[in-house]
Protein backbone atom coordinates (compact mmCIF):
# COMPACT_ATOMS: atom_id res chain seq x y z
CA MET A 1 33.18 20.96 -32.25
CA LYS A 2 30.16 20.33 -34.51
CA SER A 3 30.95 16.64 -33.84
CA LYS A 4 30.62 17.52 -30.22
CA ALA A 5 27.32 19.07 -30.97
CA LYS A 6 26.05 16.10 -33.11
CA LYS A 7 27.03 13.47 -30.32
CA LEU A 8 25.24 15.44 -28.02
CA MET A 9 22.38 15.81 -29.80
CA TRP A 10 22.23 12.05 -30.46
CA ILE A 11 22.74 10.99 -26.97
CA SER A 12 19.99 13.24 -26.16
CA ILE A 13 17.16 11.70 -28.82
CA ILE A 14 18.33 7.85 -26.98
CA ILE A 15 17.83 9.29 -23.56
CA PHE A 16 14.67 10.42 -24.95
CA ILE A 17 13.25 7.18 -26.86
CA THR A 18 14.67 5.59 -24.02
CA LEU A 19 12.19 7.41 -21.45
CA CYS A 20 9.08 7.15 -23.50
CA ILE A 21 9.60 3.09 -24.23
CA PHE A 22 9.88 3.37 -20.18
CA MET A 23 6.44 5.18 -19.65
CA LEU A 24 4.82 3.67 -21.98
CA TRP A 25 6.15 -0.27 -20.86
CA SER A 26 5.09 1.52 -17.74
CA GLN A 27 0.77 2.48 -18.65
CA ILE A 28 0.48 -1.10 -19.69
CA GLU A 29 1.84 -2.62 -16.57
CA ILE A 30 -0.95 -0.61 -14.86
CA SER A 31 -3.57 -1.25 -17.27
CA ILE A 32 -3.47 -5.32 -17.13
CA ILE A 33 -2.50 -5.21 -12.93
CA SER A 34 -5.36 -2.44 -12.51
CA TYR A 35 -7.87 -5.03 -13.42
CA THR A 36 -6.58 -8.06 -11.26
CA MET A 37 -8.82 -8.18 -8.42
CA ASP A 38 -7.63 -12.04 -7.63
CA GLU A 39 -4.19 -10.99 -5.10
CA TYR A 40 -4.14 -11.98 -1.92
CA PHE A 41 -2.09 -9.65 0.70
CA ASN A 42 -0.59 -11.24 3.81
CA ILE A 43 -0.52 -8.42 6.63
CA HIS A 44 2.05 -9.50 9.28
CA GLY A 45 3.36 -7.10 12.07
CA ILE A 46 2.89 -6.46 15.67
CA VAL A 47 0.77 -3.86 17.49
CA LYS A 48 1.85 -1.76 20.27
CA ASP A 49 0.44 1.26 21.94
CA ASP A 50 2.31 4.58 22.66
CA SER A 51 4.09 3.21 25.92
CA GLY A 52 5.38 0.45 24.01
CA ASN A 53 2.33 -2.21 25.57
CA PHE A 54 1.12 -4.74 22.86
CA ILE A 55 -2.90 -3.93 21.80
CA LYS A 56 -3.90 -7.76 22.37
CA GLU A 57 -7.34 -8.53 20.16
CA ALA A 58 -7.56 -5.45 18.29
CA ASN A 59 -9.20 -4.79 14.91
CA ILE A 60 -7.55 -3.55 12.26
CA TYR A 61 -9.35 -1.32 9.22
CA PHE A 62 -8.64 0.67 6.04
CA SER A 63 -9.29 3.72 7.00
CA ASP A 64 -8.37 5.48 3.62
CA ILE A 65 -5.99 4.96 1.15
CA ASN A 66 -4.22 8.02 0.10
CA ILE A 67 -2.00 7.82 -3.63
CA ASN A 68 0.14 10.00 -4.43
CA TYR A 69 -0.53 10.81 -7.99
CA GLY A 70 -3.36 12.08 -6.76
CA ALA A 71 -6.90 9.66 -6.34
CA GLU A 72 -7.92 9.15 -2.80
CA LYS A 73 -10.02 6.81 -1.58
CA THR A 74 -11.80 5.85 1.65
CA THR A 75 -13.23 2.69 3.25
CA ASN A 76 -13.82 1.15 6.37
CA PHE A 77 -12.41 -2.63 5.57
CA LEU A 78 -11.99 -4.91 8.37
CA ILE A 79 -8.06 -7.00 7.12
CA GLY A 80 -7.34 -8.18 10.48
CA GLN A 81 -7.46 -8.94 14.24
CA THR A 82 -4.21 -8.94 16.39
CA ASP A 83 -4.42 -12.02 19.19
CA ASN A 84 -3.24 -12.36 22.76
CA ASN A 85 0.19 -11.30 21.99
CA GLY A 86 -0.64 -8.22 19.67
CA GLU A 87 0.92 -10.02 16.29
CA VAL A 88 -1.70 -9.83 14.12
CA SER A 89 -3.27 -13.18 13.90
CA TYR A 90 -5.75 -12.81 10.71
CA LEU A 91 -3.02 -12.33 8.76
CA TYR A 92 -4.63 -11.52 4.73
CA HIS A 93 -7.93 -10.63 2.98
CA TYR A 94 -9.22 -11.77 0.02
CA PHE A 95 -9.46 -8.63 -2.59
CA GLU A 96 -12.62 -9.80 -4.95
CA SER A 97 -13.82 -7.90 -7.76
CA SER A 98 -17.07 -6.71 -5.47
CA GLU A 99 -14.96 -4.27 -4.07
CA PRO A 100 -13.34 -3.05 -7.52
CA THR A 101 -12.59 0.88 -5.90
CA LEU A 102 -10.64 -0.53 -3.10
CA SER A 103 -9.23 -3.62 -5.00
CA GLU A 104 -7.69 -1.07 -8.16
CA ASN A 105 -6.54 1.46 -5.47
CA LEU A 106 -4.34 -1.29 -3.79
CA MET A 107 -2.96 -2.28 -7.27
CA ASN A 108 -2.67 1.42 -8.38
CA MET A 109 -0.71 2.10 -5.04
CA ASN A 110 1.33 -1.15 -5.61
CA ILE A 111 2.69 0.68 -9.21
CA PHE A 112 3.70 3.08 -8.23
CA LEU A 113 4.93 2.49 -5.23
CA THR A 114 4.61 6.47 -3.90
CA GLY A 115 1.43 6.14 -1.24
CA TYR A 116 1.14 4.61 1.61
CA PHE A 117 -2.02 2.88 3.47
CA LYS A 118 -3.76 4.37 6.52
CA LEU A 119 -5.27 1.66 8.53
CA THR A 120 -6.87 2.02 12.10
CA VAL A 121 -6.95 0.12 15.01
CA VAL A 122 -10.40 -0.07 16.82
CA LYS A 123 -10.43 -1.84 20.77
CA ASN A 124 -11.56 -0.50 23.59
CA GLU A 125 -10.30 2.82 25.35
CA TYR A 126 -8.25 2.62 21.77
CA LYS A 127 -10.02 4.46 19.11
CA ILE A 128 -9.21 5.24 15.23
CA LYS A 129 -5.63 4.45 15.81
CA GLN A 130 -2.90 4.49 12.43
CA ILE A 131 -0.54 1.91 10.97
CA PHE A 132 2.02 3.34 8.19
CA LEU A 133 2.92 1.29 6.26
CA ASN A 134 6.56 0.87 5.70
CA LYS A 135 6.94 -1.74 3.03
CA HIS A 136 5.51 -3.82 0.10
CA CYS A 137 6.05 -5.70 -3.10
CA LEU A 138 4.78 -4.61 -6.46
CA PRO A 139 1.92 -7.02 -7.23
CA ARG A 140 1.61 -10.09 -9.76
CA LYS A 141 -1.26 -12.46 -10.94
CA GLY A 142 -1.23 -15.22 -9.09
CA ARG A 143 1.75 -14.85 -5.90
CA THR A 144 1.14 -13.52 -2.17
CA HIS A 145 2.39 -10.06 -1.07
CA TYR A 146 3.60 -9.21 1.68
CA ILE A 147 3.23 -5.99 3.32
CA ASN A 148 4.85 -5.27 6.83
CA PHE A 149 4.00 -2.39 8.50
CA GLU A 150 4.79 0.10 11.57
CA THR A 151 3.07 1.25 14.13
CA ILE A 152 2.01 4.94 15.20
CA ILE A 153 -0.45 4.94 18.06
CA GLU A 154 -1.31 6.99 20.48
CA LYS A 155 -4.10 6.68 23.35
CA ASP A 156 -7.33 8.62 23.36
CA SER A 157 -7.66 11.28 26.40
CA LYS A 158 -10.68 10.51 28.29
CA SER A 159 -12.72 13.49 28.00
């Protein structure tokens, strides 16, 4: 009975130490990536309204960035435009160190893989719309990161 208890205790200790090492490694990764501002993000996707029609020649903005661990920032930052087919034609934006808060939060959001971007589409009768990303990649210095998004867009009711 004592040997079983000892064995269980050692297994628990090993699991605890492994978790501690993993958490420490995660913190190191965060501190390295969070301050890397020279990252490219490519935005790919088709933008449609709630009837399935393409929204052509729309401007796409970040309206805010929500991160599940508590940080929440608001910005209005142009990242793309749709062409005549409703496809995003301006495929990337370079996040420079002149936008440190935005860049830092993009890095953190991608590390935790738990948040989401809330984007807005602005076009004539389509006012503020939402696009939620459904997939993104962990950032690494010197690589291009592809972000695929799904659209949730409703036509504004005219008053």
